[in-house]
Amino acid sequence: MTLSACYSELGLAADLSNEVEAVWTSVSDRAGSYRVLPDGRCDIIVRFDAGQKPVTDMTVVITGPITRFYDVAIEPGMGFVGVRIRPGCFEKVLGFEPAEMANSNLIGPDALAACPALKSLCMPAQDQAELVARVTDFVRQRVANSRFKLTPLGRSVISAFHASGGRLRISDVAGMHDVSERTVQRLVVKATGLAPKAFAAVLQFHRALRLLRDHRLSAADAALEAGFSDQAHMSRVFRRMGGFSPARLPAVTLVSLRD
């Protein structure tokens, strides 16, 4: 999940670095909306009223992997504490596969029904810091008690897609690992909830965004470097995934994606 403002990532405990990509917070200072961009990840989020102390009004949200943007309405003082789960670790933390959440979210009662253990996150808390500690401890306990593990082959396949910025085809990854394309398909869907082509497209989208914003490449050069067939192709992907054109990038916060 990528939020468009007031977003910050916190220090990550070393014992969670294999399962968690980031622990993050966001508190809105105005009414409006957050644009959520595809990033190939799933998040566990606690939404709360940042003006409350102690915090008693909380809603748990599970966000699934998405392939196009959506907007979240916000109000001043609306707070979020989230944990972004690394590919291959969603099932380890929540007990079901991310494919069940593809292009969808579970909010409030639906999230608690899918994973009853999340009810522990809804107990009153003194402040945001306690919510952060609680979410982090929840993930730590779930990981410690889980039998699920991403196989070395699965980890290597995901790493290959990341290293290429989404430019490798499924046949390329299969050849690199001396396995069938069907095996790559199965491993990527199990780890990310997305088909390999969709997962690669999300990575390619993020790579192009960074080339345009952080490296200030021209649209034509970014399209070439990111592996699009041409600038028009990149523009179509940007409109579908982000709702904007490469020529008019909004002030979004781009999360760091690790393999």
C-alpha atoms as a PDB file:
ATOM      1  CA  MET A   1       0.000   0.000   0.000  1.00  0.00           C
ATOM      2  CA  THR A   2       1.435   3.382  -1.001  1.00  0.00           C
ATOM      3  CA  LEU A   3       0.024   6.496   0.641  1.00  0.00           C
ATOM      4  CA  SER A   4       0.291   9.915  -0.920  1.00  0.00           C
ATOM      5  CA  ALA A   5       1.157  12.094   2.094  1.00  0.00           C
ATOM      6  CA  CYS A   6       2.241  12.139   5.756  1.00  0.00           C
ATOM      7  CA  TYR A   7       3.808   8.710   5.400  1.00  0.00           C
ATOM      8  CA  SER A   8       6.884   7.593   7.329  1.00  0.00           C
ATOM      9  CA  GLU A   9       8.650   4.276   7.769  1.00  0.00           C
ATOM     10  CA  LEU A  10      10.006   3.314  11.185  1.00  0.00           C
ATOM     11  CA  GLY A  11      13.072   1.360  12.182  1.00  0.00           C
ATOM     12  CA  LEU A  12      12.598  -2.358  11.612  1.00  0.00           C
ATOM     13  CA  ALA A  13      13.571  -4.959  14.200  1.00  0.00           C
ATOM     14  CA  ALA A  14      16.246  -7.304  12.849  1.00  0.00           C
ATOM     15  CA  ASP A  15      14.294 -10.417  13.822  1.00  0.00           C
ATOM     16  CA  LEU A  16      11.439  -9.399  11.501  1.00  0.00           C
ATOM     17  CA  SER A  17      13.475  -8.356   8.460  1.00  0.00           C
ATOM     18  CA  ASN A  18      12.829 -11.636   6.636  1.00  0.00           C
ATOM     19  CA  GLU A  19       9.055 -11.271   6.870  1.00  0.00           C
ATOM     20  CA  VAL A  20       8.382  -7.533   7.123  1.00  0.00           C
ATOM     21  CA  GLU A  21       9.378  -4.935   4.567  1.00  0.00           C
ATOM     22  CA  ALA A  22       8.386  -1.926   6.654  1.00  0.00           C
ATOM     23  CA  VAL A  23       6.464  -0.751   9.683  1.00  0.00           C
ATOM     24  CA  TRP A  24       4.885   2.567   8.778  1.00  0.00           C
ATOM     25  CA  THR A  25       2.636   5.297  10.128  1.00  0.00           C
ATOM     26  CA  SER A  26       0.555   8.032   8.565  1.00  0.00           C
ATOM     27  CA  VAL A  27      -1.627  10.749  10.110  1.00  0.00           C
ATOM     28  CA  SER A  28      -3.717  12.983   7.862  1.00  0.00           C
ATOM     29  CA  ASP A  29      -3.697  16.725   8.449  1.00  0.00           C
ATOM     30  CA  ARG A  30      -6.509  17.518   6.024  1.00  0.00           C
ATOM     31  CA  ALA A  31      -9.611  16.116   4.414  1.00  0.00           C
ATOM     32  CA  GLY A  32      -9.168  14.556   1.005  1.00  0.00           C
ATOM     33  CA  SER A  33      -7.934  11.225  -0.235  1.00  0.00           C
ATOM     34  CA  TYR A  34      -4.878   9.008  -0.376  1.00  0.00           C
ATOM     35  CA  ARG A  35      -4.016   7.388  -3.655  1.00  0.00           C
ATOM     36  CA  VAL A  36      -2.984   3.783  -3.174  1.00  0.00           C
ATOM     37  CA  LEU A  37      -0.649   2.457  -5.865  1.00  0.00           C
ATOM     38  CA  PRO A  38       0.089  -1.191  -6.685  1.00  0.00           C
ATOM     39  CA  ASP A  39       3.294  -2.449  -5.069  1.00  0.00           C
ATOM     40  CA  GLY A  40       2.866  -6.238  -5.109  1.00  0.00           C
ATOM     41  CA  ARG A  41       2.550  -6.358  -1.324  1.00  0.00           C
ATOM     42  CA  CYS A  42      -0.058  -6.933   1.375  1.00  0.00           C
ATOM     43  CA  ASP A  43      -0.441  -4.792   4.492  1.00  0.00           C
ATOM     44  CA  ILE A  44      -1.974  -5.191   7.923  1.00  0.00           C
ATOM     45  CA  ILE A  45      -3.275  -1.779   8.976  1.00  0.00           C
ATOM     46  CA  VAL A  46      -4.842  -0.355  12.109  1.00  0.00           C
ATOM     47  CA  ARG A  47      -6.879   2.765  11.361  1.00  0.00           C
ATOM     48  CA  PHE A  48      -7.517   5.011  14.358  1.00  0.00           C
ATOM     49  CA  ASP A  49      -8.435   8.492  15.553  1.00  0.00           C
ATOM     50  CA  ALA A  50      -5.100  10.199  16.241  1.00  0.00           C
ATOM     51  CA  GLY A  51      -6.861  12.763  18.422  1.00  0.00           C
ATOM     52  CA  GLN A  52      -7.930  10.137  20.954  1.00  0.00           C
ATOM     53  CA  LYS A  53      -5.822   9.394  24.029  1.00  0.00           C
ATOM     54  CA  PRO A  54      -6.189   6.669  24.979  1.00  0.00           C
ATOM     55  CA  VAL A  55      -7.042   5.278  21.553  1.00  0.00           C
ATOM     56  CA  THR A  56     -10.245   3.248  21.698  1.00  0.00           C
ATOM     57  CA  ASP A  57     -11.787   3.551  18.217  1.00  0.00           C
ATOM     58  CA  MET A  58      -9.790   1.301  15.876  1.00  0.00           C
ATOM     59  CA  THR A  59     -10.462  -0.603  12.660  1.00  0.00           C
ATOM     60  CA  VAL A  60      -8.257  -3.383  11.307  1.00  0.00           C
ATOM     61  CA  VAL A  61      -7.720  -3.541   7.550  1.00  0.00           C
ATOM     62  CA  ILE A  62      -5.988  -6.190   5.442  1.00  0.00           C
ATOM     63  CA  THR A  63      -5.004  -4.954   2.000  1.00  0.00           C
ATOM     64  CA  GLY A  64      -4.441  -7.481  -0.745  1.00  0.00           C
ATOM     65  CA  PRO A  65      -2.097  -7.241  -3.735  1.00  0.00           C
ATOM     66  CA  ILE A  66      -3.537  -4.904  -6.372  1.00  0.00           C
ATOM     67  CA  THR A  67      -2.911  -4.251 -10.051  1.00  0.00           C
ATOM     68  CA  ARG A  68      -4.472  -0.789 -10.308  1.00  0.00           C
ATOM     69  CA  PHE A  69      -4.825   2.263  -8.086  1.00  0.00           C
ATOM     70  CA  TYR A  70      -7.668   3.221  -5.798  1.00  0.00           C
ATOM     71  CA  ASP A  71      -8.363   6.238  -3.574  1.00  0.00           C
ATOM     72  CA  VAL A  72      -9.032   6.198   0.173  1.00  0.00           C
ATOM     73  CA  ALA A  73     -11.126   9.007   1.654  1.00  0.00           C
ATOM     74  CA  ILE A  74      -9.507  10.607   4.708  1.00  0.00           C
ATOM     75  CA  GLU A  75     -10.446  13.123   7.372  1.00  0.00           C
ATOM     76  CA  PRO A  76      -8.177  15.353   9.478  1.00  0.00           C
ATOM     77  CA  GLY A  77      -6.670  13.390  12.354  1.00  0.00           C
ATOM     78  CA  MET A  78      -7.228   9.981  10.781  1.00  0.00           C
ATOM     79  CA  GLY A  79      -4.243   7.815  11.671  1.00  0.00           C
ATOM     80  CA  PHE A  80      -2.813   4.599  10.268  1.00  0.00           C
ATOM     81  CA  VAL A  81      -0.272   2.144  11.621  1.00  0.00           C
ATOM     82  CA  GLY A  82       0.720  -0.502   9.114  1.00  0.00           C
ATOM     83  CA  VAL A  83       3.008  -3.442   8.497  1.00  0.00           C
ATOM     84  CA  ARG A  84       3.973  -4.179   4.901  1.00  0.00           C
ATOM     85  CA  ILE A  85       4.514  -7.910   4.478  1.00  0.00           C
ATOM     86  CA  ARG A  86       7.256  -9.183   2.188  1.00  0.00           C
ATOM     87  CA  PRO A  87       6.330 -11.452  -0.736  1.00  0.00           C
ATOM     88  CA  GLY A  88       6.084 -15.052   0.398  1.00  0.00           C
ATOM     89  CA  CYS A  89       5.297 -14.202   4.032  1.00  0.00           C
ATOM     90  CA  PHE A  90       1.616 -13.237   3.952  1.00  0.00           C
ATOM     91  CA  GLU A  91       0.444 -16.794   4.595  1.00  0.00           C
ATOM     92  CA  LYS A  92       3.015 -17.129   7.364  1.00  0.00           C
ATOM     93  CA  VAL A  93       1.543 -14.121   9.181  1.00  0.00           C
ATOM     94  CA  LEU A  94      -2.186 -14.379   8.443  1.00  0.00           C
ATOM     95  CA  GLY A  95      -2.706 -18.063   7.737  1.00  0.00           C
ATOM     96  CA  PHE A  96      -4.147 -17.889   4.220  1.00  0.00           C
ATOM     97  CA  GLU A  97      -2.752 -17.253   0.756  1.00  0.00           C
ATOM     98  CA  PRO A  98      -2.577 -13.714  -0.676  1.00  0.00           C
ATOM     99  CA  ALA A  99      -4.348 -14.861  -3.857  1.00  0.00           C
ATOM    100  CA  GLU A 100      -7.538 -14.897  -1.781  1.00  0.00           C
ATOM    101  CA  MET A 101      -7.075 -11.133  -1.357  1.00  0.00           C
ATOM    102  CA  ALA A 102      -6.060 -10.181  -4.904  1.00  0.00           C
ATOM    103  CA  ASN A 103      -7.449  -6.754  -5.842  1.00  0.00           C
ATOM    104  CA  SER A 104      -9.489  -6.524  -2.661  1.00  0.00           C
ATOM    105  CA  ASN A 105      -9.365  -5.402   0.957  1.00  0.00           C
ATOM    106  CA  LEU A 106     -10.889  -6.771   4.137  1.00  0.00           C
ATOM    107  CA  ILE A 107     -12.093  -4.100   6.548  1.00  0.00           C
ATOM    108  CA  GLY A 108     -13.242  -4.341  10.157  1.00  0.00           C
ATOM    109  CA  PRO A 109     -15.436  -7.407  10.801  1.00  0.00           C
ATOM    110  CA  ASP A 110     -14.408  -9.019   7.508  1.00  0.00           C
ATOM    111  CA  ALA A 111     -10.720  -8.777   8.440  1.00  0.00           C
ATOM    112  CA  LEU A 112     -11.379 -10.217  11.892  1.00  0.00           C
ATOM    113  CA  ALA A 113     -13.409 -13.066  10.403  1.00  0.00           C
ATOM    114  CA  ALA A 114     -10.547 -13.952   8.048  1.00  0.00           C
ATOM    115  CA  CYS A 115      -7.971 -13.873  10.865  1.00  0.00           C
ATOM    116  CA  PRO A 116      -9.585 -13.844  14.336  1.00  0.00           C
ATOM    117  CA  ALA A 117      -6.188 -13.296  15.992  1.00  0.00           C
ATOM    118  CA  LEU A 118      -6.294  -9.717  14.675  1.00  0.00           C
ATOM    119  CA  LYS A 119      -8.781  -8.906  17.448  1.00  0.00           C
ATOM    120  CA  SER A 120      -5.777  -8.415  19.727  1.00  0.00           C
ATOM    121  CA  LEU A 121      -4.959  -5.254  17.753  1.00  0.00           C
ATOM    122  CA  CYS A 122      -8.281  -3.651  18.663  1.00  0.00           C
ATOM    123  CA  MET A 123      -7.707  -3.368  22.405  1.00  0.00           C
ATOM    124  CA  PRO A 124      -7.439   0.200  23.786  1.00  0.00           C
ATOM    125  CA  ALA A 125      -3.959   1.713  23.480  1.00  0.00           C
ATOM    126  CA  GLN A 126      -2.364   4.713  25.133  1.00  0.00           C
ATOM    127  CA  ASP A 127      -1.099   6.226  21.895  1.00  0.00           C
ATOM    128  CA  GLN A 128       0.261   5.561  18.410  1.00  0.00           C
ATOM    129  CA  ALA A 129       3.549   4.225  19.790  1.00  0.00           C
ATOM    130  CA  GLU A 130       1.701   1.483  21.652  1.00  0.00           C
ATOM    131  CA  LEU A 131      -0.198   0.592  18.483  1.00  0.00           C
ATOM    132  CA  VAL A 132       3.096   0.293  16.595  1.00  0.00           C
ATOM    133  CA  ALA A 133       4.508  -1.998  19.289  1.00  0.00           C
ATOM    134  CA  ARG A 134       1.337  -4.086  19.315  1.00  0.00           C
ATOM    135  CA  VAL A 135       1.245  -4.587  15.541  1.00  0.00           C
ATOM    136  CA  THR A 136       4.936  -5.483  15.529  1.00  0.00           C
ATOM    137  CA  ASP A 137       4.495  -7.986  18.364  1.00  0.00           C
ATOM    138  CA  PHE A 138       1.490  -9.494  16.589  1.00  0.00           C
ATOM    139  CA  VAL A 139       3.589 -10.232  13.507  1.00  0.00           C
ATOM    140  CA  ARG A 140       6.460 -11.545  15.637  1.00  0.00           C
ATOM    141  CA  GLN A 141       4.190 -14.009  17.463  1.00  0.00           C
ATOM    142  CA  ARG A 142       2.481 -15.165  14.290  1.00  0.00           C
ATOM    143  CA  VAL A 143       5.822 -15.794  12.589  1.00  0.00           C
ATOM    144  CA  ALA A 144       7.134 -17.728  15.595  1.00  0.00           C
ATOM    145  CA  ASN A 145       4.077 -20.009  15.623  1.00  0.00           C
ATOM    146  CA  SER A 146       3.760 -20.548  11.871  1.00  0.00           C
ATOM    147  CA  ARG A 147       4.811 -23.710  10.064  1.00  0.00           C
ATOM    148  CA  PHE A 148       4.735 -22.065   6.644  1.00  0.00           C
ATOM    149  CA  LYS A 149       8.044 -21.228   4.963  1.00  0.00           C
ATOM    150  CA  LEU A 150       8.856 -19.824   1.546  1.00  0.00           C
ATOM    151  CA  THR A 151      11.119 -22.344  -0.169  1.00  0.00           C
ATOM    152  CA  PRO A 152      14.609 -21.323  -1.329  1.00  0.00           C
ATOM    153  CA  LEU A 153      13.407 -21.809  -4.905  1.00  0.00           C
ATOM    154  CA  GLY A 154      10.420 -19.558  -4.289  1.00  0.00           C
ATOM    155  CA  ARG A 155      12.646 -16.880  -2.753  1.00  0.00           C
ATOM    156  CA  SER A 156      15.064 -17.080  -5.686  1.00  0.00           C
ATOM    157  CA  VAL A 157      12.261 -16.765  -8.236  1.00  0.00           C
ATOM    158  CA  ILE A 158      10.872 -13.646  -6.526  1.00  0.00           C
ATOM    159  CA  SER A 159      14.395 -12.200  -6.291  1.00  0.00           C
ATOM    160  CA  ALA A 160      14.914 -12.721 -10.021  1.00  0.00           C
ATOM    161  CA  PHE A 161      11.831 -10.685 -10.878  1.00  0.00           C
ATOM    162  CA  HIS A 162      12.939  -7.942  -8.475  1.00  0.00           C
ATOM    163  CA  ALA A 163      16.510  -7.824  -9.739  1.00  0.00           C
ATOM    164  CA  SER A 164      15.268  -7.277 -13.281  1.00  0.00           C
ATOM    165  CA  GLY A 165      12.792  -4.577 -12.298  1.00  0.00           C
ATOM    166  CA  GLY A 166      10.040  -6.727 -13.761  1.00  0.00           C
ATOM    167  CA  ARG A 167      11.709  -6.948 -17.162  1.00  0.00           C
ATOM    168  CA  LEU A 168      12.201 -10.727 -17.175  1.00  0.00           C
ATOM    169  CA  ARG A 169       9.577 -12.926 -18.779  1.00  0.00           C
ATOM    170  CA  ILE A 170       8.278 -16.022 -17.044  1.00  0.00           C
ATOM    171  CA  SER A 171      10.166 -18.166 -19.577  1.00  0.00           C
ATOM    172  CA  ASP A 172      13.410 -16.366 -18.671  1.00  0.00           C
ATOM    173  CA  VAL A 173      12.945 -17.011 -14.947  1.00  0.00           C
ATOM    174  CA  ALA A 174      12.005 -20.635 -15.582  1.00  0.00           C
ATOM    175  CA  GLY A 175      15.145 -21.123 -17.663  1.00  0.00           C
ATOM    176  CA  MET A 176      17.356 -19.499 -15.017  1.00  0.00           C
ATOM    177  CA  HIS A 177      16.088 -21.987 -12.423  1.00  0.00           C
ATOM    178  CA  ASP A 178      15.766 -25.028 -14.687  1.00  0.00           C
ATOM    179  CA  VAL A 179      12.079 -25.447 -13.859  1.00  0.00           C
ATOM    180  CA  SER A 180       8.881 -25.294 -15.889  1.00  0.00           C
ATOM    181  CA  GLU A 181       6.913 -22.109 -16.477  1.00  0.00           C
ATOM    182  CA  ARG A 182       4.060 -23.733 -14.577  1.00  0.00           C
ATOM    183  CA  THR A 183       6.318 -24.055 -11.526  1.00  0.00           C
ATOM    184  CA  VAL A 184       7.241 -20.365 -11.713  1.00  0.00           C
ATOM    185  CA  GLN A 185       3.551 -19.502 -12.063  1.00  0.00           C
ATOM    186  CA  ARG A 186       2.667 -21.529  -8.979  1.00  0.00           C
ATOM    187  CA  LEU A 187       5.494 -20.098  -6.864  1.00  0.00           C
ATOM    188  CA  VAL A 188       4.786 -16.465  -7.744  1.00  0.00           C
ATOM    189  CA  VAL A 189       1.038 -16.752  -7.158  1.00  0.00           C
ATOM    190  CA  LYS A 190       1.613 -18.445  -3.810  1.00  0.00           C
ATOM    191  CA  ALA A 191       4.132 -15.803  -2.719  1.00  0.00           C
ATOM    192  CA  THR A 192       2.457 -12.645  -4.028  1.00  0.00           C
ATOM    193  CA  GLY A 193      -1.152 -13.452  -4.883  1.00  0.00           C
ATOM    194  CA  LEU A 194      -0.526 -12.211  -8.428  1.00  0.00           C
ATOM    195  CA  ALA A 195       0.290 -13.995 -11.661  1.00  0.00           C
ATOM    196  CA  PRO A 196       3.941 -13.573 -12.742  1.00  0.00           C
ATOM    197  CA  LYS A 197       3.028 -11.199 -15.576  1.00  0.00           C
ATOM    198  CA  ALA A 198       1.007  -8.976 -13.228  1.00  0.00           C
ATOM    199  CA  PHE A 199       3.695  -9.032 -10.525  1.00  0.00           C
ATOM    200  CA  ALA A 200       6.383  -8.139 -13.060  1.00  0.00           C
ATOM    201  CA  ALA A 201       4.226  -5.301 -14.402  1.00  0.00           C
ATOM    202  CA  VAL A 202       3.914  -3.808 -10.908  1.00  0.00           C
ATOM    203  CA  LEU A 203       7.693  -3.931 -10.424  1.00  0.00           C
ATOM    204  CA  GLN A 204       8.240  -2.368 -13.841  1.00  0.00           C
ATOM    205  CA  PHE A 205       5.761   0.410 -12.997  1.00  0.00           C
ATOM    206  CA  HIS A 206       7.646   1.227  -9.783  1.00  0.00           C
ATOM    207  CA  ARG A 207      10.997   1.176 -11.545  1.00  0.00           C
ATOM    208  CA  ALA A 208       9.741   3.634 -14.147  1.00  0.00           C
ATOM    209  CA  LEU A 209       8.287   5.886 -11.440  1.00  0.00           C
ATOM    210  CA  ARG A 210      11.655   6.077  -9.695  1.00  0.00           C
ATOM    211  CA  LEU A 211      13.510   6.725 -12.941  1.00  0.00           C
ATOM    212  CA  LEU A 212      11.187   9.632 -13.670  1.00  0.00           C
ATOM    213  CA  ARG A 213      10.985  11.117 -10.190  1.00  0.00           C
ATOM    214  CA  ASP A 214      14.266  10.288  -8.455  1.00  0.00           C
ATOM    215  CA  HIS A 215      16.613  10.111 -11.441  1.00  0.00           C
ATOM    216  CA  ARG A 216      14.739  12.728 -13.480  1.00  0.00           C
ATOM    217  CA  LEU A 217      14.986  10.832 -16.748  1.00  0.00           C
ATOM    218  CA  SER A 218      12.883  11.938 -19.676  1.00  0.00           C
ATOM    219  CA  ALA A 219       9.761   9.893 -20.360  1.00  0.00           C
ATOM    220  CA  ALA A 220      11.360   8.380 -23.459  1.00  0.00           C
ATOM    221  CA  ASP A 221      14.542   7.399 -21.596  1.00  0.00           C
ATOM    222  CA  ALA A 222      12.605   6.044 -18.600  1.00  0.00           C
ATOM    223  CA  ALA A 223      10.447   3.909 -20.882  1.00  0.00           C
ATOM    224  CA  LEU A 224      13.536   2.452 -22.542  1.00  0.00           C
ATOM    225  CA  GLU A 225      15.410   1.857 -19.272  1.00  0.00           C
ATOM    226  CA  ALA A 226      12.374   0.285 -17.570  1.00  0.00           C
ATOM    227  CA  GLY A 227      11.862  -2.121 -20.464  1.00  0.00           C
ATOM    228  CA  PHE A 228       8.653  -0.804 -22.016  1.00  0.00           C
ATOM    229  CA  SER A 229       8.251  -1.264 -25.754  1.00  0.00           C
ATOM    230  CA  ASP A 230       7.908   2.503 -26.166  1.00  0.00           C
ATOM    231  CA  GLN A 231       6.774   5.663 -24.383  1.00  0.00           C
ATOM    232  CA  ALA A 232       3.137   5.140 -25.372  1.00  0.00           C
ATOM    233  CA  HIS A 233       3.189   1.699 -23.762  1.00  0.00           C
ATOM    234  CA  MET A 234       4.518   3.183 -20.523  1.00  0.00           C
ATOM    235  CA  SER A 235       1.845   5.890 -20.590  1.00  0.00           C
ATOM    236  CA  ARG A 236      -0.922   3.294 -20.884  1.00  0.00           C
ATOM    237  CA  VAL A 237       0.475   1.342 -17.926  1.00  0.00           C
ATOM    238  CA  PHE A 238       0.762   4.510 -15.822  1.00  0.00           C
ATOM    239  CA  ARG A 239      -2.845   5.468 -16.486  1.00  0.00           C
ATOM    240  CA  ARG A 240      -4.080   1.978 -15.644  1.00  0.00           C
ATOM    241  CA  MET A 241      -1.970   1.412 -12.527  1.00  0.00           C
ATOM    242  CA  GLY A 242      -1.633   4.947 -11.213  1.00  0.00           C
ATOM    243  CA  GLY A 243      -4.414   6.988 -12.767  1.00  0.00           C
ATOM    244  CA  PHE A 244      -1.942   9.573 -14.069  1.00  0.00           C
ATOM    245  CA  SER A 245       0.408  10.123 -16.985  1.00  0.00           C
ATOM    246  CA  PRO A 246       4.227  10.032 -16.828  1.00  0.00           C
ATOM    247  CA  ALA A 247       4.217  13.728 -17.707  1.00  0.00           C
ATOM    248  CA  ARG A 248       2.224  14.655 -14.588  1.00  0.00           C
ATOM    249  CA  LEU A 249       3.440  12.677 -11.602  1.00  0.00           C
ATOM    250  CA  PRO A 250       1.490  13.329  -8.383  1.00  0.00           C
ATOM    251  CA  ALA A 251       3.253  13.870  -5.063  1.00  0.00           C
ATOM    252  CA  VAL A 252       3.132  10.215  -4.032  1.00  0.00           C
ATOM    253  CA  THR A 253       5.450   8.574  -1.547  1.00  0.00           C
ATOM    254  CA  LEU A 254       7.136   5.613  -3.211  1.00  0.00           C
ATOM    255  CA  VAL A 255       7.855   2.755  -0.853  1.00  0.00           C
ATOM    256  CA  SER A 256      11.133   0.872  -1.106  1.00  0.00           C
ATOM    257  CA  LEU A 257      10.553  -2.582  -2.555  1.00  0.00           C
ATOM    258  CA  ARG A 258      12.915  -5.370  -1.525  1.00  0.00           C
ATOM    259  CA  ASP A 259      13.026  -8.916  -2.849  1.00  0.00           C
END
